[in-house]
């Protein structure tokens, strides 16, 4: 407001000069004597210029003191809002990147966990299968051993019966050929010597 004092004083001085000149022109006798369109009449020029300067000065003051500060405030407010929006967008973008990274990590952890669970289930199934196979093999080995023992017992019994059958057959053969029945000890020794020689 301090800078506008000399401007207003200068404007007032100019207006006063123009009004004095206009008044002097109006009081002097007209040269042509006819009526003309007032805006084109040279005698009206000083008044028109005075009003032009007054209007221009008032509009200039109005723009300088009212309109331009408001426009500047609006422009500054918009610039601040745009800066704030850009910062907020940057923060949101960083949050989105962080969320994406967290999602990728969560997905990788889930895949690793699924692979671990799958491997664990596979190992457990393999261990259960191996245990079952070992139990079945042990049962089969026990059955085979029992069968072999049974077969050995039957074989031994059969071999024991073969010796007595052979002794009876040999005694019967000797009796038929020689018409003399050999003693049981002789037959047993003969069968034992044949078995031992075989």
Protein backbone atom coordinates (compact mmCIF):
# COMPACT_ATOMS: atom_id res chain seq x y z
CA UNK A 1 0.00 0.00 0.00
CA UNK A 2 2.98 2.29 0.59
CA UNK A 3 4.01 2.03 -3.08
CA UNK A 4 0.62 3.07 -4.34
CA UNK A 5 0.73 6.58 -2.75
CA UNK A 6 3.01 8.19 -5.41
CA UNK A 7 1.08 6.41 -8.16
CA UNK A 8 -2.26 7.80 -6.96
CA UNK A 9 -0.75 11.26 -6.46
CA UNK A 10 0.64 11.20 -10.00
CA UNK A 11 -2.67 10.00 -11.36
CA UNK A 12 -4.53 12.74 -9.51
CA UNK A 13 -2.13 15.40 -10.86
CA UNK A 14 -2.60 14.12 -14.40
CA UNK A 15 -6.39 14.07 -14.01
CA UNK A 16 -6.41 17.59 -12.68
CA UNK A 17 -4.30 18.76 -15.67
CA UNK A 18 -6.62 17.01 -18.10
CA UNK A 19 -9.74 18.45 -16.45
CA UNK A 20 -8.30 21.94 -16.54
CA UNK A 21 -7.42 21.55 -20.20
CA UNK A 22 -10.85 20.14 -20.96
CA UNK A 23 -12.55 22.96 -19.12
CA UNK A 24 -10.47 25.52 -20.96
CA UNK A 25 -11.34 23.89 -24.27
CA UNK A 26 -15.04 23.88 -23.43
CA UNK A 27 -15.06 27.54 -22.50
CA UNK A 28 -13.23 28.67 -25.65
CA UNK A 29 -15.40 29.34 -28.72
CA UNK A 30 -15.74 26.42 -31.19
CA UNK A 31 -13.88 26.83 -34.45
CA UNK A 32 -16.13 24.96 -36.84
CA UNK A 33 -19.44 25.82 -35.38
CA UNK A 34 -21.32 22.62 -36.36
CA UNK A 35 -22.49 19.72 -34.29
CA UNK A 36 -20.54 16.48 -34.66
CA UNK A 37 -20.51 13.03 -33.07
CA UNK A 38 -19.13 13.71 -29.53
CA UNK A 39 -16.55 10.90 -29.40
CA UNK A 40 -14.99 12.24 -32.61
CA UNK A 41 -15.19 15.87 -31.56
CA UNK A 42 -11.70 17.11 -30.66
CA UNK A 43 -13.04 19.34 -27.95
CA UNK A 44 -14.15 16.26 -26.01
CA UNK A 45 -10.76 14.47 -26.25
CA UNK A 46 -9.33 15.78 -22.97
CA UNK A 47 -12.38 14.60 -20.99
CA UNK A 48 -12.32 11.23 -22.71
CA UNK A 49 -8.62 10.84 -22.00
CA UNK A 50 -9.23 11.80 -18.37
CA UNK A 51 -11.94 9.20 -18.00
CA UNK A 52 -9.80 6.61 -19.80
CA UNK A 53 -6.90 7.24 -17.43
CA UNK A 54 -9.16 7.21 -14.39
CA UNK A 55 -10.82 3.94 -15.45
CA UNK A 56 -7.49 2.37 -16.40
CA UNK A 57 -5.97 3.43 -13.07
CA UNK A 58 -8.86 2.02 -11.07
CA UNK A 59 -8.81 -1.23 -13.04
CA UNK A 60 -5.04 -1.39 -12.59
CA UNK A 61 -5.40 -0.93 -8.81
CA UNK A 62 -8.21 -3.47 -8.69
CA UNK A 63 -6.12 -6.02 -10.59
CA UNK A 64 -2.97 -5.27 -8.58
CA UNK A 65 -4.58 -5.39 -5.13
CA UNK A 66 -7.45 -7.87 -5.56
CA UNK A 67 -7.43 -10.05 -8.67
CA UNK A 68 -3.72 -10.83 -9.08
CA UNK A 69 -3.18 -11.87 -5.43
CA UNK A 70 -6.20 -14.14 -5.65
CA UNK A 71 -4.99 -15.66 -8.92
CA UNK A 72 -1.50 -16.05 -7.44
CA UNK A 73 -2.99 -17.73 -4.37
CA UNK A 74 -5.00 -20.07 -6.55
CA UNK A 75 -1.95 -20.94 -8.66
CA UNK A 76 0.17 -21.50 -5.54
CA UNK A 77 -2.58 -23.59 -3.92
CA UNK A 78 -2.87 -25.72 -7.05
CA UNK A 79 0.89 -26.15 -7.21
CA UNK A 80 0.95 -27.23 -3.56
CA UNK A 81 -1.95 -29.62 -4.13
CA UNK A 82 -0.23 -31.10 -7.19
CA UNK A 83 3.01 -31.52 -5.21
CA UNK A 84 1.06 -33.15 -2.39
CA UNK A 85 -0.72 -35.46 -4.83
CA UNK A 86 2.59 -36.40 -6.46
CA UNK A 87 4.12 -37.17 -3.05
CA UNK A 88 1.06 -39.21 -2.07
CA UNK A 89 1.23 -41.07 -5.38
CA UNK A 90 4.91 -41.77 -4.78
CA UNK A 91 4.14 -43.09 -1.28
CA UNK A 92 1.31 -45.24 -2.65
CA UNK A 93 3.61 -46.55 -5.39
CA UNK A 94 6.22 -47.52 -2.77
CA UNK A 95 3.49 -49.20 -0.71
CA UNK A 96 2.32 -51.07 -3.81
CA UNK A 97 5.89 -52.19 -4.52
CA UNK A 98 6.29 -53.32 -0.91
CA UNK A 99 2.96 -55.17 -1.07
CA UNK A 100 4.04 -56.81 -4.34
CA UNK A 101 7.35 -57.87 -2.79
CA UNK A 102 5.53 -59.22 0.29
CA UNK A 103 3.12 -61.12 -1.97
CA UNK A 104 6.02 -62.59 -3.98
CA UNK A 105 7.75 -63.64 -0.74
CA UNK A 106 4.52 -65.14 0.60
CA UNK A 107 4.03 -67.04 -2.66
CA UNK A 108 7.62 -68.32 -2.61
CA UNK A 109 7.21 -69.38 1.04
CA UNK A 110 3.95 -71.16 0.20
CA UNK A 111 5.62 -72.99 -2.70
CA UNK A 112 8.55 -74.00 -0.49
CA UNK A 113 6.15 -75.14 2.24
CA UNK A 114 4.13 -77.14 -0.29
CA UNK A 115 7.31 -78.76 -1.61
CA UNK A 116 8.44 -79.55 1.94
CA UNK A 117 5.04 -81.04 2.80
CA UNK A 118 5.03 -83.04 -0.44
CA UNK A 119 8.54 -84.35 0.22
CA UNK A 120 7.60 -85.17 3.83
CA UNK A 121 4.48 -87.04 2.69
CA UNK A 122 6.53 -88.88 0.07
CA UNK A 123 9.17 -89.81 2.66
CA UNK A 124 6.50 -90.96 5.12
CA UNK A 125 4.80 -93.05 2.44
CA UNK A 126 8.15 -94.50 1.43
CA UNK A 127 9.02 -95.28 5.06
CA UNK A 128 5.59 -96.87 5.63
CA UNK A 129 5.97 -98.90 2.44
CA UNK A 130 9.46 -100.00 3.45
CA UNK A 131 8.25 -100.96 6.94
CA UNK A 132 5.33 -102.89 5.45
CA UNK A 133 7.66 -104.61 2.98
CA UNK A 134 10.08 -105.48 5.83
CA UNK A 135 7.21 -106.94 7.88
CA UNK A 136 5.96 -108.96 4.88
CA UNK A 137 9.52 -110.11 4.09
CA UNK A 138 10.04 -111.13 7.73
CA UNK A 139 6.74 -113.04 7.72
CA UNK A 140 7.66 -114.68 4.42
CA UNK A 141 11.16 -115.51 5.73
CA UNK A 142 9.61 -117.02 8.87
CA UNK A 143 7.16 -119.04 6.75
CA UNK A 144 9.96 -120.15 4.41
CA UNK A 145 12.13 -121.12 7.42
CA UNK A 146 9.21 -123.00 8.96
CA UNK A 147 8.51 -124.70 5.63
CA UNK A 148 12.19 -125.61 5.24
CA UNK A 149 12.25 -126.95 8.79
CA UNK A 150 9.10 -128.94 8.05
CA UNK A 151 10.59 -130.20 4.79
CA UNK A 152 13.83 -131.10 6.63
CA UNK A 153 11.87 -132.97 9.29
CA UNK A 154 9.84 -134.78 6.63
CA UNK A 155 13.04 -135.56 4.71
CA UNK A 156 14.81 -136.78 7.82
CA UNK A 157 11.76 -138.86 8.70
CA UNK A 158 11.61 -140.12 5.13
CA UNK A 159 15.34 -140.89 5.16
CA UNK A 160 14.85 -142.70 8.48
CA UNK A 161 12.02 -144.65 6.92
CA UNK A 162 14.13 -145.29 3.82
CA UNK A 163 16.79 -146.93 6.00
CA UNK A 164 14.26 -149.17 7.69
CA UNK A 165 12.52 -149.87 4.37
CA UNK A 166 15.90 -150.63 2.77
CA UNK A 167 16.79 -152.88 5.71
CA UNK A 168 13.46 -154.71 5.44
CA UNK A 169 13.83 -154.97 1.66
CA UNK A 170 17.42 -156.23 1.94
CA UNK A 171 16.39 -158.76 4.59
CA UNK A 172 13.51 -159.88 2.41
CA UNK A 173 15.75 -160.19 -0.66
CA UNK A 174 18.41 -162.15 1.24
CA UNK A 175 15.72 -164.41 2.69
CA UNK A 176 14.23 -165.15 -0.70
CA UNK A 177 17.55 -165.81 -2.34
CA UNK A 178 19.24 -167.79 0.41
CA UNK A 179 16.21 -169.06 2.20
CA UNK A 180 17.94 -167.98 5.42
CA UNK A 181 16.76 -164.92 7.36
CA UNK A 182 19.68 -162.65 8.21
CA UNK A 183 19.95 -161.13 11.66
CA UNK A 184 18.76 -157.54 12.18
CA UNK A 185 22.28 -156.36 13.13
CA UNK A 186 23.80 -157.67 9.90
CA UNK A 187 21.09 -156.03 7.83
CA UNK A 188 21.60 -152.69 9.66
CA UNK A 189 25.38 -152.85 9.11
CA UNK A 190 24.91 -153.64 5.44
CA UNK A 191 22.47 -150.74 4.94
CA UNK A 192 24.76 -148.40 6.95
CA UNK A 193 27.77 -149.37 4.82
CA UNK A 194 25.80 -148.78 1.60
CA UNK A 195 24.58 -145.39 2.87
CA UNK A 196 28.03 -144.39 4.06
CA UNK A 197 29.58 -145.42 0.73
CA UNK A 198 27.01 -143.49 -1.23
